[in-house]
Amino acid sequence: MGRTSATPHKPGPGVGALPATPPGDTGRQRAATSGTDGQRERILEAARDLFARQGYALTTIQQIADAVGATKPFVYYYFRDKRDIFERLSWPAAVECFTSMDFPPDDTRAAHVKVAEGLQRLVRATLAHYPHAFFPYREPQVYRPEYIAAQKRLARHFYQRFCALLEEGRRDGHFDFGETRLTAQAACSLPGFLYTWYRPDGRLPPDELATELTRLAWRVLGLRPTAA
């Protein structure tokens, strides 16, 4: 099963402290405990499967409650509404993907090494958070303006770091590409368009697929064979 918990990656100082859940209110719950966290996770997992199978519009709070063997008030105790659940499923994947190019300040490895590792993180995070990592691509109209603004801040942070590493690697002679931002976006389109064709039971297992997609992204960047 895909993860619904917060990302293990630590954001850099450009982003600040990233919340485990998206900005906004929640249900009536005020103090989290191990028991309530478990109940929230049950609701999220049930909702994730329903959203993936039948979409946001056709999924109801009653269906989510039935899937966990509970009542609608039980669901509303933990979440404000259906969109709150949808956003909280999507947020951890967004955080993990958009912090995949974050490295500690004392990491002195060459830029092309960081880029190669960061791209692999990005692909693996997208696959690990299946299917909820794909929700923003499939139904972008669902999210609140506040959520979209927070996600855009994450995306800007990601591309600032990615582009800076690309330009450093090009100066070092490890990359061969033209326009930096266009190249970065082209490389990221490989995991970005997974939502149109990826199936967990496909021909390649996730680890092999992540390796193949990462190598393809390296080619988009013009990573020189000696550097690879």
C-alpha atoms as a PDB file:
ATOM      1  CA  MET A   1       0.000   0.000   0.000  1.00  0.00           C
ATOM      2  CA  GLY A   2       1.106   3.538  -0.663  1.00  0.00           C
ATOM      3  CA  ARG A   3       2.093   5.729   2.237  1.00  0.00           C
ATOM      4  CA  THR A   4      -0.141   8.410   3.659  1.00  0.00           C
ATOM      5  CA  SER A   5       2.139   9.610   6.435  1.00  0.00           C
ATOM      6  CA  ALA A   6       4.441  12.628   6.330  1.00  0.00           C
ATOM      7  CA  THR A   7       7.531  12.674   4.189  1.00  0.00           C
ATOM      8  CA  PRO A   8      10.851  11.503   5.703  1.00  0.00           C
ATOM      9  CA  HIS A   9      12.830  14.048   3.690  1.00  0.00           C
ATOM     10  CA  LYS A  10      13.867  17.221   5.489  1.00  0.00           C
ATOM     11  CA  PRO A  11      13.265  20.496   3.660  1.00  0.00           C
ATOM     12  CA  GLY A  12      16.002  23.046   3.345  1.00  0.00           C
ATOM     13  CA  PRO A  13      15.956  26.552   4.770  1.00  0.00           C
ATOM     14  CA  GLY A  14      14.291  27.935   1.648  1.00  0.00           C
ATOM     15  CA  VAL A  15      10.996  26.254   2.558  1.00  0.00           C
ATOM     16  CA  GLY A  16      11.051  26.331   6.332  1.00  0.00           C
ATOM     17  CA  ALA A  17       9.132  23.873   8.487  1.00  0.00           C
ATOM     18  CA  LEU A  18       6.702  21.935   6.323  1.00  0.00           C
ATOM     19  CA  PRO A  19       3.560  20.671   8.060  1.00  0.00           C
ATOM     20  CA  ALA A  20       2.679  17.003   7.835  1.00  0.00           C
ATOM     21  CA  THR A  21      -0.775  18.060   6.647  1.00  0.00           C
ATOM     22  CA  PRO A  22      -1.810  20.854   4.271  1.00  0.00           C
ATOM     23  CA  PRO A  23      -2.731  24.298   5.581  1.00  0.00           C
ATOM     24  CA  GLY A  24      -6.313  24.623   6.804  1.00  0.00           C
ATOM     25  CA  ASP A  25      -8.696  23.523   9.507  1.00  0.00           C
ATOM     26  CA  THR A  26      -9.613  19.945  10.262  1.00  0.00           C
ATOM     27  CA  GLY A  27     -12.441  18.124  12.020  1.00  0.00           C
ATOM     28  CA  ARG A  28     -13.449  18.351  15.663  1.00  0.00           C
ATOM     29  CA  GLN A  29     -10.411  16.437  16.879  1.00  0.00           C
ATOM     30  CA  ARG A  30      -8.063  18.685  18.839  1.00  0.00           C
ATOM     31  CA  ALA A  31      -5.467  16.468  20.547  1.00  0.00           C
ATOM     32  CA  ALA A  32      -3.883  13.620  18.599  1.00  0.00           C
ATOM     33  CA  THR A  33      -3.006  10.331  20.309  1.00  0.00           C
ATOM     34  CA  SER A  34      -1.689   7.034  18.984  1.00  0.00           C
ATOM     35  CA  GLY A  35      -5.266   5.760  18.950  1.00  0.00           C
ATOM     36  CA  THR A  36      -6.706   8.721  17.078  1.00  0.00           C
ATOM     37  CA  ASP A  37      -3.804   8.685  14.621  1.00  0.00           C
ATOM     38  CA  GLY A  38      -4.667   5.071  13.851  1.00  0.00           C
ATOM     39  CA  GLN A  39      -8.299   5.951  13.222  1.00  0.00           C
ATOM     40  CA  ARG A  40      -7.322   8.822  10.942  1.00  0.00           C
ATOM     41  CA  GLU A  41      -5.073   6.490   8.983  1.00  0.00           C
ATOM     42  CA  ARG A  42      -7.910   3.990   8.529  1.00  0.00           C
ATOM     43  CA  ILE A  43     -10.132   6.714   7.113  1.00  0.00           C
ATOM     44  CA  LEU A  44      -7.383   7.978   4.809  1.00  0.00           C
ATOM     45  CA  GLU A  45      -6.659   4.517   3.439  1.00  0.00           C
ATOM     46  CA  ALA A  46     -10.325   3.790   2.779  1.00  0.00           C
ATOM     47  CA  ALA A  47     -10.831   7.168   1.124  1.00  0.00           C
ATOM     48  CA  ARG A  48      -7.687   6.792  -0.961  1.00  0.00           C
ATOM     49  CA  ASP A  49      -8.937   3.544  -2.469  1.00  0.00           C
ATOM     50  CA  LEU A  50     -12.380   4.997  -3.197  1.00  0.00           C
ATOM     51  CA  PHE A  51     -10.971   8.153  -4.763  1.00  0.00           C
ATOM     52  CA  ALA A  52      -8.624   6.070  -6.913  1.00  0.00           C
ATOM     53  CA  ARG A  53     -11.392   3.735  -8.135  1.00  0.00           C
ATOM     54  CA  GLN A  54     -14.265   6.115  -8.743  1.00  0.00           C
ATOM     55  CA  GLY A  55     -12.926   9.669  -8.527  1.00  0.00           C
ATOM     56  CA  TYR A  56     -13.584  12.542  -6.154  1.00  0.00           C
ATOM     57  CA  ALA A  57     -17.057  13.513  -7.331  1.00  0.00           C
ATOM     58  CA  LEU A  58     -18.546  10.024  -7.043  1.00  0.00           C
ATOM     59  CA  THR A  59     -17.053   9.323  -3.620  1.00  0.00           C
ATOM     60  CA  THR A  60     -19.167  10.311  -0.605  1.00  0.00           C
ATOM     61  CA  ILE A  61     -18.487  10.629   3.097  1.00  0.00           C
ATOM     62  CA  GLN A  62     -21.058   7.884   3.651  1.00  0.00           C
ATOM     63  CA  GLN A  63     -19.087   5.523   1.417  1.00  0.00           C
ATOM     64  CA  ILE A  64     -15.894   6.333   3.311  1.00  0.00           C
ATOM     65  CA  ALA A  65     -17.649   5.724   6.625  1.00  0.00           C
ATOM     66  CA  ASP A  66     -19.065   2.419   5.376  1.00  0.00           C
ATOM     67  CA  ALA A  67     -15.601   1.325   4.211  1.00  0.00           C
ATOM     68  CA  VAL A  68     -14.210   1.690   7.752  1.00  0.00           C
ATOM     69  CA  GLY A  69     -17.349   0.339   9.421  1.00  0.00           C
ATOM     70  CA  ALA A  70     -18.169   3.647  11.075  1.00  0.00           C
ATOM     71  CA  THR A  71     -20.660   6.513  10.893  1.00  0.00           C
ATOM     72  CA  LYS A  72     -20.480   9.865   9.110  1.00  0.00           C
ATOM     73  CA  PRO A  73     -20.041  11.768  12.425  1.00  0.00           C
ATOM     74  CA  PHE A  74     -17.053   9.535  13.145  1.00  0.00           C
ATOM     75  CA  VAL A  75     -15.413  10.680   9.887  1.00  0.00           C
ATOM     76  CA  TYR A  76     -16.298  14.331  10.552  1.00  0.00           C
ATOM     77  CA  TYR A  77     -14.636  14.105  13.955  1.00  0.00           C
ATOM     78  CA  TYR A  78     -11.278  13.708  12.198  1.00  0.00           C
ATOM     79  CA  PHE A  79     -11.808  15.634   8.952  1.00  0.00           C
ATOM     80  CA  ARG A  80     -13.652  18.799   8.039  1.00  0.00           C
ATOM     81  CA  ASP A  81     -15.134  17.422   4.813  1.00  0.00           C
ATOM     82  CA  LYS A  82     -14.373  15.272   1.777  1.00  0.00           C
ATOM     83  CA  ARG A  83     -11.969  17.808   0.302  1.00  0.00           C
ATOM     84  CA  ASP A  84     -10.037  17.910   3.573  1.00  0.00           C
ATOM     85  CA  ILE A  85      -9.456  14.160   3.232  1.00  0.00           C
ATOM     86  CA  PHE A  86      -8.455  14.519  -0.415  1.00  0.00           C
ATOM     87  CA  GLU A  87      -5.931  17.236   0.365  1.00  0.00           C
ATOM     88  CA  ARG A  88      -4.448  15.365   3.304  1.00  0.00           C
ATOM     89  CA  LEU A  89      -3.891  12.347   1.095  1.00  0.00           C
ATOM     90  CA  SER A  90      -2.174  14.482  -1.542  1.00  0.00           C
ATOM     91  CA  TRP A  91       0.049  16.648   0.656  1.00  0.00           C
ATOM     92  CA  PRO A  92       2.674  14.142   1.908  1.00  0.00           C
ATOM     93  CA  ALA A  93       3.383  13.045  -1.662  1.00  0.00           C
ATOM     94  CA  ALA A  94       3.770  16.675  -2.752  1.00  0.00           C
ATOM     95  CA  VAL A  95       6.190  17.380   0.086  1.00  0.00           C
ATOM     96  CA  GLU A  96       8.325  14.312  -0.563  1.00  0.00           C
ATOM     97  CA  CYS A  97       8.490  14.908  -4.312  1.00  0.00           C
ATOM     98  CA  PHE A  98       9.218  18.623  -4.076  1.00  0.00           C
ATOM     99  CA  THR A  99      11.952  18.192  -1.462  1.00  0.00           C
ATOM    100  CA  SER A 100      13.732  15.448  -3.408  1.00  0.00           C
ATOM    101  CA  MET A 101      16.483  17.914  -4.383  1.00  0.00           C
ATOM    102  CA  ASP A 102      17.133  18.971  -0.773  1.00  0.00           C
ATOM    103  CA  PHE A 103      20.536  18.053   0.625  1.00  0.00           C
ATOM    104  CA  PRO A 104      22.240  18.957   3.918  1.00  0.00           C
ATOM    105  CA  PRO A 105      24.401  22.096   3.860  1.00  0.00           C
ATOM    106  CA  ASP A 106      27.480  20.008   4.640  1.00  0.00           C
ATOM    107  CA  ASP A 107      26.918  17.662   1.664  1.00  0.00           C
ATOM    108  CA  THR A 108      29.956  18.447  -0.502  1.00  0.00           C
ATOM    109  CA  ARG A 109      29.289  15.971  -3.283  1.00  0.00           C
ATOM    110  CA  ALA A 110      29.358  17.202  -6.866  1.00  0.00           C
ATOM    111  CA  ALA A 111      26.187  18.726  -8.306  1.00  0.00           C
ATOM    112  CA  HIS A 112      25.663  15.980 -10.903  1.00  0.00           C
ATOM    113  CA  VAL A 113      25.754  13.334  -8.153  1.00  0.00           C
ATOM    114  CA  LYS A 114      23.082  15.187  -6.179  1.00  0.00           C
ATOM    115  CA  VAL A 115      20.938  15.620  -9.283  1.00  0.00           C
ATOM    116  CA  ALA A 116      21.163  11.923 -10.088  1.00  0.00           C
ATOM    117  CA  GLU A 117      20.168  11.003  -6.542  1.00  0.00           C
ATOM    118  CA  GLY A 118      17.436  13.638  -6.389  1.00  0.00           C
ATOM    119  CA  LEU A 119      15.812  12.413  -9.588  1.00  0.00           C
ATOM    120  CA  GLN A 120      15.794   8.884  -8.275  1.00  0.00           C
ATOM    121  CA  ARG A 121      14.173  10.133  -5.052  1.00  0.00           C
ATOM    122  CA  LEU A 122      11.543  11.935  -7.109  1.00  0.00           C
ATOM    123  CA  VAL A 123      10.622   8.878  -9.159  1.00  0.00           C
ATOM    124  CA  ARG A 124      10.611   6.572  -6.149  1.00  0.00           C
ATOM    125  CA  ALA A 125       8.463   8.965  -4.122  1.00  0.00           C
ATOM    126  CA  THR A 126       5.930   9.184  -6.942  1.00  0.00           C
ATOM    127  CA  LEU A 127       5.676   5.401  -7.120  1.00  0.00           C
ATOM    128  CA  ALA A 128       5.684   4.902  -3.344  1.00  0.00           C
ATOM    129  CA  HIS A 129       2.725   7.266  -2.936  1.00  0.00           C
ATOM    130  CA  TYR A 130       0.619   5.573  -5.588  1.00  0.00           C
ATOM    131  CA  PRO A 131      -2.232   6.298  -6.209  1.00  0.00           C
ATOM    132  CA  HIS A 132      -2.602   9.526  -4.208  1.00  0.00           C
ATOM    133  CA  ALA A 133       0.489  11.145  -5.765  1.00  0.00           C
ATOM    134  CA  PHE A 134      -1.550  11.203  -8.989  1.00  0.00           C
ATOM    135  CA  PHE A 135      -4.624  12.937  -7.572  1.00  0.00           C
ATOM    136  CA  PRO A 136      -3.382  16.488  -8.389  1.00  0.00           C
ATOM    137  CA  TYR A 137      -2.873  15.487 -12.036  1.00  0.00           C
ATOM    138  CA  ARG A 138      -6.213  13.734 -12.376  1.00  0.00           C
ATOM    139  CA  GLU A 139      -8.441  16.198 -10.507  1.00  0.00           C
ATOM    140  CA  PRO A 140      -6.648  19.521  -9.985  1.00  0.00           C
ATOM    141  CA  GLN A 141      -9.947  21.405  -9.720  1.00  0.00           C
ATOM    142  CA  VAL A 142     -10.709  19.872  -6.317  1.00  0.00           C
ATOM    143  CA  TYR A 143      -8.116  21.739  -4.237  1.00  0.00           C
ATOM    144  CA  ARG A 144      -8.682  24.951  -2.282  1.00  0.00           C
ATOM    145  CA  PRO A 145      -6.781  28.085  -3.344  1.00  0.00           C
ATOM    146  CA  GLU A 146      -4.804  27.916  -0.084  1.00  0.00           C
ATOM    147  CA  TYR A 147      -3.672  24.400  -0.886  1.00  0.00           C
ATOM    148  CA  ILE A 148      -2.715  25.319  -4.458  1.00  0.00           C
ATOM    149  CA  ALA A 149      -0.701  28.302  -3.179  1.00  0.00           C
ATOM    150  CA  ALA A 150       1.175  26.085  -0.706  1.00  0.00           C
ATOM    151  CA  GLN A 151       1.895  23.540  -3.419  1.00  0.00           C
ATOM    152  CA  LYS A 152       3.200  26.262  -5.739  1.00  0.00           C
ATOM    153  CA  ARG A 153       5.602  27.408  -3.022  1.00  0.00           C
ATOM    154  CA  LEU A 154       6.901  23.855  -2.787  1.00  0.00           C
ATOM    155  CA  ALA A 155       7.272  23.650  -6.573  1.00  0.00           C
ATOM    156  CA  ARG A 156       9.200  26.939  -6.723  1.00  0.00           C
ATOM    157  CA  HIS A 157      11.506  25.675  -3.996  1.00  0.00           C
ATOM    158  CA  PHE A 158      12.098  22.449  -5.917  1.00  0.00           C
ATOM    159  CA  TYR A 159      12.895  24.099  -9.248  1.00  0.00           C
ATOM    160  CA  GLN A 160      15.138  26.714  -7.665  1.00  0.00           C
ATOM    161  CA  ARG A 161      17.276  23.985  -6.152  1.00  0.00           C
ATOM    162  CA  PHE A 162      17.111  21.728  -9.188  1.00  0.00           C
ATOM    163  CA  CYS A 163      18.055  24.479 -11.651  1.00  0.00           C
ATOM    164  CA  ALA A 164      20.905  25.690  -9.455  1.00  0.00           C
ATOM    165  CA  LEU A 165      22.342  22.160  -9.318  1.00  0.00           C
ATOM    166  CA  LEU A 166      21.936  21.741 -13.070  1.00  0.00           C
ATOM    167  CA  GLU A 167      23.824  24.940 -13.824  1.00  0.00           C
ATOM    168  CA  GLU A 168      26.577  24.034 -11.376  1.00  0.00           C
ATOM    169  CA  GLY A 169      26.885  20.597 -12.955  1.00  0.00           C
ATOM    170  CA  ARG A 170      27.014  22.109 -16.433  1.00  0.00           C
ATOM    171  CA  ARG A 171      29.820  24.458 -15.370  1.00  0.00           C
ATOM    172  CA  ASP A 172      31.677  21.413 -14.062  1.00  0.00           C
ATOM    173  CA  GLY A 173      31.307  19.748 -17.467  1.00  0.00           C
ATOM    174  CA  HIS A 174      28.931  16.951 -16.428  1.00  0.00           C
ATOM    175  CA  PHE A 175      25.736  18.064 -18.210  1.00  0.00           C
ATOM    176  CA  ASP A 176      25.011  19.041 -21.801  1.00  0.00           C
ATOM    177  CA  PHE A 177      21.732  20.938 -22.205  1.00  0.00           C
ATOM    178  CA  GLY A 178      20.390  24.292 -23.406  1.00  0.00           C
ATOM    179  CA  GLU A 179      17.750  26.229 -21.450  1.00  0.00           C
ATOM    180  CA  THR A 180      17.903  25.301 -17.770  1.00  0.00           C
ATOM    181  CA  ARG A 181      14.267  25.607 -16.690  1.00  0.00           C
ATOM    182  CA  LEU A 182      12.962  23.864 -19.804  1.00  0.00           C
ATOM    183  CA  THR A 183      15.411  21.012 -19.285  1.00  0.00           C
ATOM    184  CA  ALA A 184      14.403  20.642 -15.628  1.00  0.00           C
ATOM    185  CA  GLN A 185      10.721  20.532 -16.506  1.00  0.00           C
ATOM    186  CA  ALA A 186      11.297  18.029 -19.300  1.00  0.00           C
ATOM    187  CA  ALA A 187      13.183  15.688 -16.955  1.00  0.00           C
ATOM    188  CA  CYS A 188      10.432  15.944 -14.328  1.00  0.00           C
ATOM    189  CA  SER A 189       7.733  15.223 -16.897  1.00  0.00           C
ATOM    190  CA  LEU A 190       8.823  11.575 -16.903  1.00  0.00           C
ATOM    191  CA  PRO A 191       7.578  10.847 -13.372  1.00  0.00           C
ATOM    192  CA  GLY A 192       4.904  13.530 -13.775  1.00  0.00           C
ATOM    193  CA  PHE A 193       3.107  11.647 -16.534  1.00  0.00           C
ATOM    194  CA  LEU A 194       3.188   8.315 -14.738  1.00  0.00           C
ATOM    195  CA  TYR A 195      -0.444   8.933 -13.802  1.00  0.00           C
ATOM    196  CA  THR A 196      -1.490   8.362 -17.432  1.00  0.00           C
ATOM    197  CA  TRP A 197      -0.092   4.857 -17.714  1.00  0.00           C
ATOM    198  CA  TYR A 198       1.400   3.448 -14.494  1.00  0.00           C
ATOM    199  CA  ARG A 199      -0.112   0.282 -13.025  1.00  0.00           C
ATOM    200  CA  PRO A 200       1.318  -1.399  -9.892  1.00  0.00           C
ATOM    201  CA  ASP A 201       0.882  -4.822 -11.511  1.00  0.00           C
ATOM    202  CA  GLY A 202       2.669  -3.801 -14.707  1.00  0.00           C
ATOM    203  CA  ARG A 203       5.515  -5.611 -16.408  1.00  0.00           C
ATOM    204  CA  LEU A 204       8.279  -3.969 -14.372  1.00  0.00           C
ATOM    205  CA  PRO A 205       8.293  -3.938 -10.553  1.00  0.00           C
ATOM    206  CA  PRO A 206       8.543  -0.471  -8.958  1.00  0.00           C
ATOM    207  CA  ASP A 207      12.287  -0.674  -8.244  1.00  0.00           C
ATOM    208  CA  GLU A 208      13.171  -1.577 -11.828  1.00  0.00           C
ATOM    209  CA  LEU A 209      10.778   1.007 -13.217  1.00  0.00           C
ATOM    210  CA  ALA A 210      12.297   3.703 -10.991  1.00  0.00           C
ATOM    211  CA  THR A 211      15.768   2.788 -12.234  1.00  0.00           C
ATOM    212  CA  GLU A 212      14.734   2.909 -15.899  1.00  0.00           C
ATOM    213  CA  LEU A 213      12.913   6.238 -15.566  1.00  0.00           C
ATOM    214  CA  THR A 214      15.817   7.772 -13.674  1.00  0.00           C
ATOM    215  CA  ARG A 215      18.235   6.768 -16.435  1.00  0.00           C
ATOM    216  CA  LEU A 216      15.921   8.292 -19.037  1.00  0.00           C
ATOM    217  CA  ALA A 217      15.803  11.527 -17.044  1.00  0.00           C
ATOM    218  CA  TRP A 218      19.612  11.584 -16.966  1.00  0.00           C
ATOM    219  CA  ARG A 219      19.593  11.478 -20.772  1.00  0.00           C
ATOM    220  CA  VAL A 220      17.230  14.454 -20.905  1.00  0.00           C
ATOM    221  CA  LEU A 221      19.774  16.383 -18.823  1.00  0.00           C
ATOM    222  CA  GLY A 222      22.636  15.342 -21.087  1.00  0.00           C
ATOM    223  CA  LEU A 223      24.457  13.643 -18.232  1.00  0.00           C
ATOM    224  CA  ARG A 224      27.770  12.664 -19.750  1.00  0.00           C
ATOM    225  CA  PRO A 225      28.595   8.909 -19.746  1.00  0.00           C
ATOM    226  CA  THR A 226      31.703   9.393 -17.626  1.00  0.00           C
ATOM    227  CA  ALA A 227      29.657  11.219 -14.994  1.00  0.00           C
ATOM    228  CA  ALA A 228      26.887   8.604 -15.038  1.00  0.00           C
END
